[in-house]
PDB file of N, CA and C in Angstrom:
ATOM      1  N   MET A   1      52.341 -20.009  63.138  1.00  0.00           N
ATOM      2  CA  MET A   1      53.103 -20.804  62.024  1.00  0.00           C
ATOM      3  C   MET A   1      52.855 -19.950  60.782  1.00  0.00           C
ATOM      4  N   PRO A   2      54.010 -19.694  60.161  1.00  0.00           N
ATOM      5  CA  PRO A   2      53.918 -18.591  58.841  1.00  0.00           C
ATOM      6  C   PRO A   2      52.986 -19.430  57.868  1.00  0.00           C
ATOM      7  N   LEU A   3      52.358 -18.598  57.201  1.00  0.00           N
ATOM      8  CA  LEU A   3      51.334 -19.122  56.065  1.00  0.00           C
ATOM      9  C   LEU A   3      52.321 -19.907  54.980  1.00  0.00           C
ATOM     10  N   THR A   4      53.460 -19.368  54.725  1.00  0.00           N
ATOM     11  CA  THR A   4      54.152 -19.946  53.466  1.00  0.00           C
ATOM     12  C   THR A   4      54.696 -21.486  54.115  1.00  0.00           C
ATOM     13  N   LEU A   5      54.962 -21.479  55.390  1.00  0.00           N
ATOM     14  CA  LEU A   5      55.395 -23.065  55.700  1.00  0.00           C
ATOM     15  C   LEU A   5      54.011 -23.706  55.873  1.00  0.00           C
ATOM     16  N   PHE A   6      52.807 -23.315  56.454  1.00  0.00           N
ATOM     17  CA  PHE A   6      51.876 -24.074  56.608  1.00  0.00           C
ATOM     18  C   PHE A   6      51.106 -24.602  54.942  1.00  0.00           C
ATOM     19  N   MET A   7      51.594 -23.844  54.021  1.00  0.00           N
ATOM     20  CA  MET A   7      50.969 -23.995  52.649  1.00  0.00           C
ATOM     21  C   MET A   7      51.783 -24.718  51.811  1.00  0.00           C
ATOM     22  N   SER A   8      53.033 -24.932  52.268  1.00  0.00           N
ATOM     23  CA  SER A   8      54.158 -25.572  51.469  1.00  0.00           C
ATOM     24  C   SER A   8      53.871 -27.141  51.114  1.00  0.00           C
ATOM     25  N   ASP A   9      53.018 -27.836  51.683  1.00  0.00           N
ATOM     26  CA  ASP A   9      52.892 -29.202  51.368  1.00  0.00           C
ATOM     27  C   ASP A   9      51.345 -29.288  50.688  1.00  0.00           C
ATOM     28  N   LYS A  10      50.794 -28.185  50.394  1.00  0.00           N
ATOM     29  CA  LYS A  10      49.350 -28.457  49.941  1.00  0.00           C
ATOM     30  C   LYS A  10      49.180 -28.512  48.359  1.00  0.00           C
ATOM     31  N   GLU A  11      50.242 -28.655  47.665  1.00  0.00           N
ATOM     32  CA  GLU A  11      50.153 -29.022  46.097  1.00  0.00           C
ATOM     33  C   GLU A  11      49.296 -30.241  45.695  1.00  0.00           C
ATOM     34  N   PRO A  12      49.517 -31.242  46.489  1.00  0.00           N
ATOM     35  CA  PRO A  12      48.693 -32.537  46.220  1.00  0.00           C
ATOM     36  C   PRO A  12      47.230 -32.285  46.319  1.00  0.00           C
ATOM     37  N   LEU A  13      46.879 -31.471  47.544  1.00  0.00           N
ATOM     38  CA  LEU A  13      45.536 -31.133  47.694  1.00  0.00           C
ATOM     39  C   LEU A  13      45.145 -30.344  46.614  1.00  0.00           C
ATOM     40  N   TRP A  14      45.658 -29.475  46.159  1.00  0.00           N
ATOM     41  CA  TRP A  14      45.169 -28.447  45.105  1.00  0.00           C
ATOM     42  C   TRP A  14      44.981 -29.393  43.818  1.00  0.00           C
ATOM     43  N   ARG A  15      45.901 -30.411  43.637  1.00  0.00           N
ATOM     44  CA  ARG A  15      45.796 -31.125  42.282  1.00  0.00           C
ATOM     45  C   ARG A  15      44.439 -31.825  42.614  1.00  0.00           C
ATOM     46  N   SER A  16      44.223 -32.555  43.617  1.00  0.00           N
ATOM     47  CA  SER A  16      42.791 -33.210  43.516  1.00  0.00           C
ATOM     48  C   SER A  16      41.758 -32.409  43.457  1.00  0.00           C
ATOM     49  N   ILE A  17      41.712 -31.125  44.001  1.00  0.00           N
ATOM     50  CA  ILE A  17      40.770 -30.186  43.725  1.00  0.00           C
ATOM     51  C   ILE A  17      40.476 -29.768  42.374  1.00  0.00           C
ATOM     52  N   VAL A  18      41.610 -29.582  41.698  1.00  0.00           N
ATOM     53  CA  VAL A  18      41.612 -29.405  40.150  1.00  0.00           C
ATOM     54  C   VAL A  18      40.893 -30.541  39.536  1.00  0.00           C
ATOM     55  N   GLN A  19      41.287 -31.703  39.670  1.00  0.00           N
ATOM     56  CA  GLN A  19      40.839 -32.862  39.002  1.00  0.00           C
ATOM     57  C   GLN A  19      39.297 -33.089  39.556  1.00  0.00           C
ATOM     58  N   LYS A  20      38.907 -33.074  40.657  1.00  0.00           N
ATOM     59  CA  LYS A  20      37.677 -33.254  40.996  1.00  0.00           C
ATOM     60  C   LYS A  20      36.591 -32.329  40.385  1.00  0.00           C
ATOM     61  N   TYR A  21      36.963 -30.945  40.384  1.00  0.00           N
ATOM     62  CA  TYR A  21      36.195 -30.011  39.627  1.00  0.00           C
ATOM     63  C   TYR A  21      36.519 -29.647  38.350  1.00  0.00           C
ATOM     64  N   ASN A  22      37.173 -30.288  37.668  1.00  0.00           N
ATOM     65  CA  ASN A  22      37.499 -30.150  36.358  1.00  0.00           C
ATOM     66  C   ASN A  22      37.892 -28.484  36.208  1.00  0.00           C
ATOM     67  N   LEU A  23      38.963 -28.269  36.942  1.00  0.00           N
ATOM     68  CA  LEU A  23      39.333 -26.810  36.881  1.00  0.00           C
ATOM     69  C   LEU A  23      40.539 -26.616  35.763  1.00  0.00           C
ATOM     70  N   VAL A  24      40.979 -25.370  35.322  1.00  0.00           N
ATOM     71  CA  VAL A  24      42.022 -25.306  34.665  1.00  0.00           C
ATOM     72  C   VAL A  24      43.282 -25.625  35.227  1.00  0.00           C
ATOM     73  N   GLU A  25      43.982 -26.442  34.499  1.00  0.00           N
ATOM     74  CA  GLU A  25      45.407 -27.049  35.123  1.00  0.00           C
ATOM     75  C   GLU A  25      46.403 -25.651  35.230  1.00  0.00           C
ATOM     76  N   TYR A  26      46.761 -25.565  36.465  1.00  0.00           N
ATOM     77  CA  TYR A  26      47.958 -24.587  36.646  1.00  0.00           C
ATOM     78  C   TYR A  26      48.392 -25.011  38.130  1.00  0.00           C
ATOM     79  N   SER A  27      49.614 -24.596  38.273  1.00  0.00           N
ATOM     80  CA  SER A  27      50.371 -25.174  39.685  1.00  0.00           C
ATOM     81  C   SER A  27      49.828 -24.270  40.709  1.00  0.00           C
ATOM     82  N   PHE A  28      49.916 -24.922  41.848  1.00  0.00           N
ATOM     83  CA  PHE A  28      49.631 -24.483  43.004  1.00  0.00           C
ATOM     84  C   PHE A  28      50.385 -23.092  43.169  1.00  0.00           C
ATOM     85  N   GLN A  29      51.663 -23.031  42.984  1.00  0.00           N
ATOM     86  CA  GLN A  29      52.544 -21.903  43.159  1.00  0.00           C
ATOM     87  C   GLN A  29      52.101 -20.877  42.252  1.00  0.00           C
ATOM     88  N   ASP A  30      51.605 -21.118  40.974  1.00  0.00           N
ATOM     89  CA  ASP A  30      51.313 -20.224  40.164  1.00  0.00           C
ATOM     90  C   ASP A  30      50.033 -19.524  40.392  1.00  0.00           C
ATOM     91  N   GLY A  31      49.209 -20.369  41.273  1.00  0.00           N
ATOM     92  CA  GLY A  31      47.945 -19.734  41.673  1.00  0.00           C
ATOM     93  C   GLY A  31      47.681 -18.712  42.712  1.00  0.00           C
ATOM     94  N   ALA A  32      48.917 -18.950  43.609  1.00  0.00           N
ATOM     95  CA  ALA A  32      48.854 -18.153  44.880  1.00  0.00           C
ATOM     96  C   ALA A  32      50.272 -17.599  45.087  1.00  0.00           C
ATOM     97  N   SER A  33      50.259 -16.432  45.717  1.00  0.00           N
ATOM     98  CA  SER A  33      51.723 -15.865  46.423  1.00  0.00           C
ATOM     99  C   SER A  33      51.539 -15.721  47.724  1.00  0.00           C
ATOM    100  N   TRP A  34      51.894 -17.063  48.492  1.00  0.00           N
ATOM    101  CA  TRP A  34      51.902 -17.251  49.920  1.00  0.00           C
ATOM    102  C   TRP A  34      52.713 -16.187  50.608  1.00  0.00           C
ATOM    103  N   PRO A  35      53.951 -15.835  50.248  1.00  0.00           N
ATOM    104  CA  PRO A  35      54.652 -14.598  51.000  1.00  0.00           C
ATOM    105  C   PRO A  35      53.896 -13.430  50.923  1.00  0.00           C
ATOM    106  N   PHE A  36      53.147 -13.003  49.675  1.00  0.00           N
ATOM    107  CA  PHE A  36      52.475 -11.780  49.684  1.00  0.00           C
ATOM    108  C   PHE A  36      51.087 -11.771  50.488  1.00  0.00           C
ATOM    109  N   ALA A  37      50.450 -13.042  50.551  1.00  0.00           N
ATOM    110  CA  ALA A  37      49.130 -13.113  51.186  1.00  0.00           C
ATOM    111  C   ALA A  37      49.589 -13.167  52.595  1.00  0.00           C
ATOM    112  N   GLU A  38      50.783 -13.734  53.310  1.00  0.00           N
ATOM    113  CA  GLU A  38      51.119 -13.753  54.636  1.00  0.00           C
ATOM    114  C   GLU A  38      51.469 -12.297  55.093  1.00  0.00           C
ATOM    115  N   ALA A  39      52.009 -11.574  53.980  1.00  0.00           N
ATOM    116  CA  ALA A  39      52.336 -10.086  54.474  1.00  0.00           C
ATOM    117  C   ALA A  39      50.947  -9.350  54.567  1.00  0.00           C
ATOM    118  N   ILE A  40      50.014  -9.515  53.843  1.00  0.00           N
ATOM    119  CA  ILE A  40      48.858  -8.871  54.087  1.00  0.00           C
ATOM    120  C   ILE A  40      48.069  -9.251  55.201  1.00  0.00           C
ATOM    121  N   PHE A  41      47.925 -10.794  55.493  1.00  0.00           N
ATOM    122  CA  PHE A  41      47.196 -11.298  56.690  1.00  0.00           C
ATOM    123  C   PHE A  41      47.775 -11.071  58.071  1.00  0.00           C
ATOM    124  N   ASN A  42      49.172 -10.847  57.919  1.00  0.00           N
ATOM    125  CA  ASN A  42      50.058 -10.766  59.333  1.00  0.00           C
ATOM    126  C   ASN A  42      50.308  -9.417  59.678  1.00  0.00           C
ATOM    127  N   ILE A  43      49.633  -8.365  59.393  1.00  0.00           N
ATOM    128  CA  ILE A  43      49.950  -7.000  59.507  1.00  0.00           C
ATOM    129  C   ILE A  43      49.933  -6.924  61.266  1.00  0.00           C
ATOM    130  N   LYS A  44      50.782  -6.351  61.786  1.00  0.00           N
ATOM    131  CA  LYS A  44      50.858  -6.172  63.167  1.00  0.00           C
ATOM    132  C   LYS A  44      50.368  -4.697  63.806  1.00  0.00           C
ATOM    133  N   TYR A  45      49.852  -4.135  63.111  1.00  0.00           N
ATOM    134  CA  TYR A  45      49.228  -2.835  63.575  1.00  0.00           C
ATOM    135  C   TYR A  45      48.014  -2.695  62.757  1.00  0.00           C
ATOM    136  N   ASP A  46      47.102  -1.667  63.291  1.00  0.00           N
ATOM    137  CA  ASP A  46      45.944  -1.292  62.762  1.00  0.00           C
ATOM    138  C   ASP A  46      46.020  -0.471  61.529  1.00  0.00           C
ATOM    139  N   VAL A  47      45.042  -0.751  60.493  1.00  0.00           N
ATOM    140  CA  VAL A  47      45.176   0.150  59.332  1.00  0.00           C
ATOM    141  C   VAL A  47      43.995   0.966  59.142  1.00  0.00           C
ATOM    142  N   THR A  48      44.073   2.383  59.124  1.00  0.00           N
ATOM    143  CA  THR A  48      42.976   3.181  59.062  1.00  0.00           C
ATOM    144  C   THR A  48      43.185   4.012  57.736  1.00  0.00           C
ATOM    145  N   SER A  49      42.106   4.235  56.921  1.00  0.00           N
ATOM    146  CA  SER A  49      42.269   5.059  55.797  1.00  0.00           C
ATOM    147  C   SER A  49      41.329   6.073  55.638  1.00  0.00           C
ATOM    148  N   ASP A  50      41.525   7.077  55.048  1.00  0.00           N
ATOM    149  CA  ASP A  50      40.585   8.207  54.806  1.00  0.00           C
ATOM    150  C   ASP A  50      40.244   8.550  53.329  1.00  0.00           C
ATOM    151  N   THR A  51      39.471   8.520  52.774  1.00  0.00           N
ATOM    152  CA  THR A  51      39.449   8.709  51.288  1.00  0.00           C
ATOM    153  C   THR A  51      38.626  10.212  51.092  1.00  0.00           C
ATOM    154  N   THR A  52      38.713  10.962  52.160  1.00  0.00           N
ATOM    155  CA  THR A  52      37.962  12.260  52.048  1.00  0.00           C
ATOM    156  C   THR A  52      38.985  13.183  50.983  1.00  0.00           C
ATOM    157  N   LYS A  53      40.189  13.126  51.243  1.00  0.00           N
ATOM    158  CA  LYS A  53      41.064  14.095  50.338  1.00  0.00           C
ATOM    159  C   LYS A  53      40.790  13.746  48.912  1.00  0.00           C
ATOM    160  N   ALA A  54      40.789  12.295  48.634  1.00  0.00           N
ATOM    161  CA  ALA A  54      40.605  11.836  47.462  1.00  0.00           C
ATOM    162  C   ALA A  54      39.363  12.350  46.645  1.00  0.00           C
ATOM    163  N   GLY A  55      38.263  12.345  47.593  1.00  0.00           N
ATOM    164  CA  GLY A  55      36.970  12.962  46.994  1.00  0.00           C
ATOM    165  C   GLY A  55      37.075  14.549  46.723  1.00  0.00           C
ATOM    166  N   ARG A  56      37.961  15.104  47.566  1.00  0.00           N
ATOM    167  CA  ARG A  56      38.146  16.776  47.363  1.00  0.00           C
ATOM    168  C   ARG A  56      38.833  16.857  46.247  1.00  0.00           C
ATOM    169  N   LEU A  57      39.689  15.892  45.657  1.00  0.00           N
ATOM    170  CA  LEU A  57      40.467  16.235  44.616  1.00  0.00           C
ATOM    171  C   LEU A  57      39.964  15.529  43.313  1.00  0.00           C
ATOM    172  N   GLY A  58      38.533  15.266  43.456  1.00  0.00           N
ATOM    173  CA  GLY A  58      37.982  14.906  42.166  1.00  0.00           C
ATOM    174  C   GLY A  58      37.531  13.324  41.904  1.00  0.00           C
ATOM    175  N   PHE A  59      38.045  12.789  42.779  1.00  0.00           N
ATOM    176  CA  PHE A  59      38.080  11.034  42.553  1.00  0.00           C
ATOM    177  C   PHE A  59      36.656  10.686  43.461  1.00  0.00           C
ATOM    178  N   HIS A  60      35.556  10.816  42.687  1.00  0.00           N
ATOM    179  CA  HIS A  60      34.263  10.558  43.163  1.00  0.00           C
ATOM    180  C   HIS A  60      33.727   9.183  42.853  1.00  0.00           C
ATOM    181  N   GLU A  61      34.199   8.434  42.065  1.00  0.00           N
ATOM    182  CA  GLU A  61      33.746   7.209  41.672  1.00  0.00           C
ATOM    183  C   GLU A  61      34.212   6.042  42.912  1.00  0.00           C
ATOM    184  N   VAL A  62      33.398   5.376  43.559  1.00  0.00           N
ATOM    185  CA  VAL A  62      33.445   4.344  44.388  1.00  0.00           C
ATOM    186  C   VAL A  62      33.207   2.844  43.955  1.00  0.00           C
ATOM    187  N   VAL A  63      33.787   1.969  44.403  1.00  0.00           N
ATOM    188  CA  VAL A  63      33.548   0.452  44.179  1.00  0.00           C
ATOM    189  C   VAL A  63      32.923  -0.111  45.410  1.00  0.00           C
ATOM    190  N   ASP A  64      31.950  -0.856  45.320  1.00  0.00           N
ATOM    191  CA  ASP A  64      31.315  -1.542  46.498  1.00  0.00           C
ATOM    192  C   ASP A  64      32.217  -2.858  46.572  1.00  0.00           C
ATOM    193  N   THR A  65      33.007  -2.863  47.797  1.00  0.00           N
ATOM    194  CA  THR A  65      33.779  -4.008  48.015  1.00  0.00           C
ATOM    195  C   THR A  65      33.147  -5.502  47.832  1.00  0.00           C
ATOM    196  N   ASN A  66      31.964  -5.699  48.768  1.00  0.00           N
ATOM    197  CA  ASN A  66      31.299  -6.849  48.577  1.00  0.00           C
ATOM    198  C   ASN A  66      30.819  -7.087  47.072  1.00  0.00           C
ATOM    199  N   ALA A  67      30.427  -6.189  46.322  1.00  0.00           N
ATOM    200  CA  ALA A  67      29.943  -6.523  45.109  1.00  0.00           C
ATOM    201  C   ALA A  67      31.147  -6.883  44.242  1.00  0.00           C
ATOM    202  N   MET A  68      32.264  -6.248  44.443  1.00  0.00           N
ATOM    203  CA  MET A  68      33.503  -6.620  43.627  1.00  0.00           C
ATOM    204  C   MET A  68      33.948  -8.025  44.012  1.00  0.00           C
ATOM    205  N   VAL A  69      33.878  -8.279  45.136  1.00  0.00           N
ATOM    206  CA  VAL A  69      34.487  -9.702  45.417  1.00  0.00           C
ATOM    207  C   VAL A  69      33.438 -10.825  44.792  1.00  0.00           C
ATOM    208  N   VAL A  70      32.144 -10.493  44.953  1.00  0.00           N
ATOM    209  CA  VAL A  70      31.141 -11.565  44.272  1.00  0.00           C
ATOM    210  C   VAL A  70      31.474 -11.553  42.932  1.00  0.00           C
ATOM    211  N   ARG A  71      31.579 -10.407  42.284  1.00  0.00           N
ATOM    212  CA  ARG A  71      31.735 -10.394  40.764  1.00  0.00           C
ATOM    213  C   ARG A  71      33.170 -11.095  40.414  1.00  0.00           C
ATOM    214  N   LEU A  72      34.215 -10.849  41.252  1.00  0.00           N
ATOM    215  CA  LEU A  72      35.530 -11.626  40.876  1.00  0.00           C
ATOM    216  C   LEU A  72      35.399 -13.171  41.037  1.00  0.00           C
ATOM    217  N   MET A  73      34.594 -13.384  42.177  1.00  0.00           N
ATOM    218  CA  MET A  73      34.384 -14.987  42.368  1.00  0.00           C
ATOM    219  C   MET A  73      33.717 -15.668  41.151  1.00  0.00           C
ATOM    220  N   ASP A  74      32.650 -14.864  40.929  1.00  0.00           N
ATOM    221  CA  ASP A  74      31.784 -15.383  39.681  1.00  0.00           C
ATOM    222  C   ASP A  74      32.610 -15.693  38.455  1.00  0.00           C
ATOM    223  N   ASP A  75      33.502 -14.605  38.144  1.00  0.00           N
ATOM    224  CA  ASP A  75      34.317 -14.606  37.124  1.00  0.00           C
ATOM    225  C   ASP A  75      35.377 -15.839  37.049  1.00  0.00           C
ATOM    226  N   PHE A  76      35.998 -16.062  38.418  1.00  0.00           N
ATOM    227  CA  PHE A  76      36.925 -17.110  38.752  1.00  0.00           C
ATOM    228  C   PHE A  76      36.107 -18.399  38.353  1.00  0.00           C
ATOM    229  N   GLN A  77      34.949 -18.511  38.772  1.00  0.00           N
ATOM    230  CA  GLN A  77      34.292 -19.701  38.763  1.00  0.00           C
ATOM    231  C   GLN A  77      34.070 -19.920  37.196  1.00  0.00           C
ATOM    232  N   GLN A  78      33.460 -18.936  36.341  1.00  0.00           N
ATOM    233  CA  GLN A  78      33.132 -18.985  35.045  1.00  0.00           C
ATOM    234  C   GLN A  78      34.612 -19.485  34.078  1.00  0.00           C
ATOM    235  N   ARG A  79      35.628 -19.143  34.647  1.00  0.00           N
ATOM    236  CA  ARG A  79      37.053 -19.343  34.074  1.00  0.00           C
ATOM    237  C   ARG A  79      37.471 -20.673  34.303  1.00  0.00           C
ATOM    238  N   ARG A  80      36.869 -21.404  35.403  1.00  0.00           N
ATOM    239  CA  ARG A  80      37.425 -22.691  36.007  1.00  0.00           C
ATOM    240  C   ARG A  80      38.673 -22.289  36.760  1.00  0.00           C
ATOM    241  N   PHE A  81      38.921 -21.172  37.373  1.00  0.00           N
ATOM    242  CA  PHE A  81      39.982 -21.052  38.218  1.00  0.00           C
ATOM    243  C   PHE A  81      39.819 -21.676  39.801  1.00  0.00           C
ATOM    244  N   ILE A  82      38.441 -21.622  40.086  1.00  0.00           N
ATOM    245  CA  ILE A  82      38.083 -22.068  41.174  1.00  0.00           C
ATOM    246  C   ILE A  82      36.823 -22.869  41.227  1.00  0.00           C
ATOM    247  N   PRO A  83      36.480 -23.709  42.183  1.00  0.00           N
ATOM    248  CA  PRO A  83      35.223 -24.678  42.027  1.00  0.00           C
ATOM    249  C   PRO A  83      34.146 -23.654  42.358  1.00  0.00           C
ATOM    250  N   ALA A  84      32.848 -23.914  42.025  1.00  0.00           N
ATOM    251  CA  ALA A  84      31.713 -23.247  42.200  1.00  0.00           C
ATOM    252  C   ALA A  84      31.533 -23.519  43.760  1.00  0.00           C
ATOM    253  N   PHE A  85      30.774 -22.476  44.356  1.00  0.00           N
ATOM    254  CA  PHE A  85      30.503 -22.628  45.792  1.00  0.00           C
ATOM    255  C   PHE A  85      29.116 -23.441  45.787  1.00  0.00           C
ATOM    256  N   GLU A  86      29.218 -24.468  46.865  1.00  0.00           N
ATOM    257  CA  GLU A  86      28.133 -25.208  46.834  1.00  0.00           C
ATOM    258  C   GLU A  86      27.251 -24.649  48.009  1.00  0.00           C
TER     259      GLU A  86
END
């Protein structure tokens, strides 16, 4: 089932989460782009990347993906966009 179809009736659920956790009021559609998410999670081929060339060209700074996700989730919680993890 396409993600856009699966998520099409979830606005009332989102409203109840916003109310329960005192989150910032914004519409479900404004909070997510289901067609974009579907495109990312529904890739039919393997994705491989190699950053060696970027390093050779002087791009040496790297970002730890796990640390970045934790930082973003903390920020979203502080801004009351998402509920705190329990």
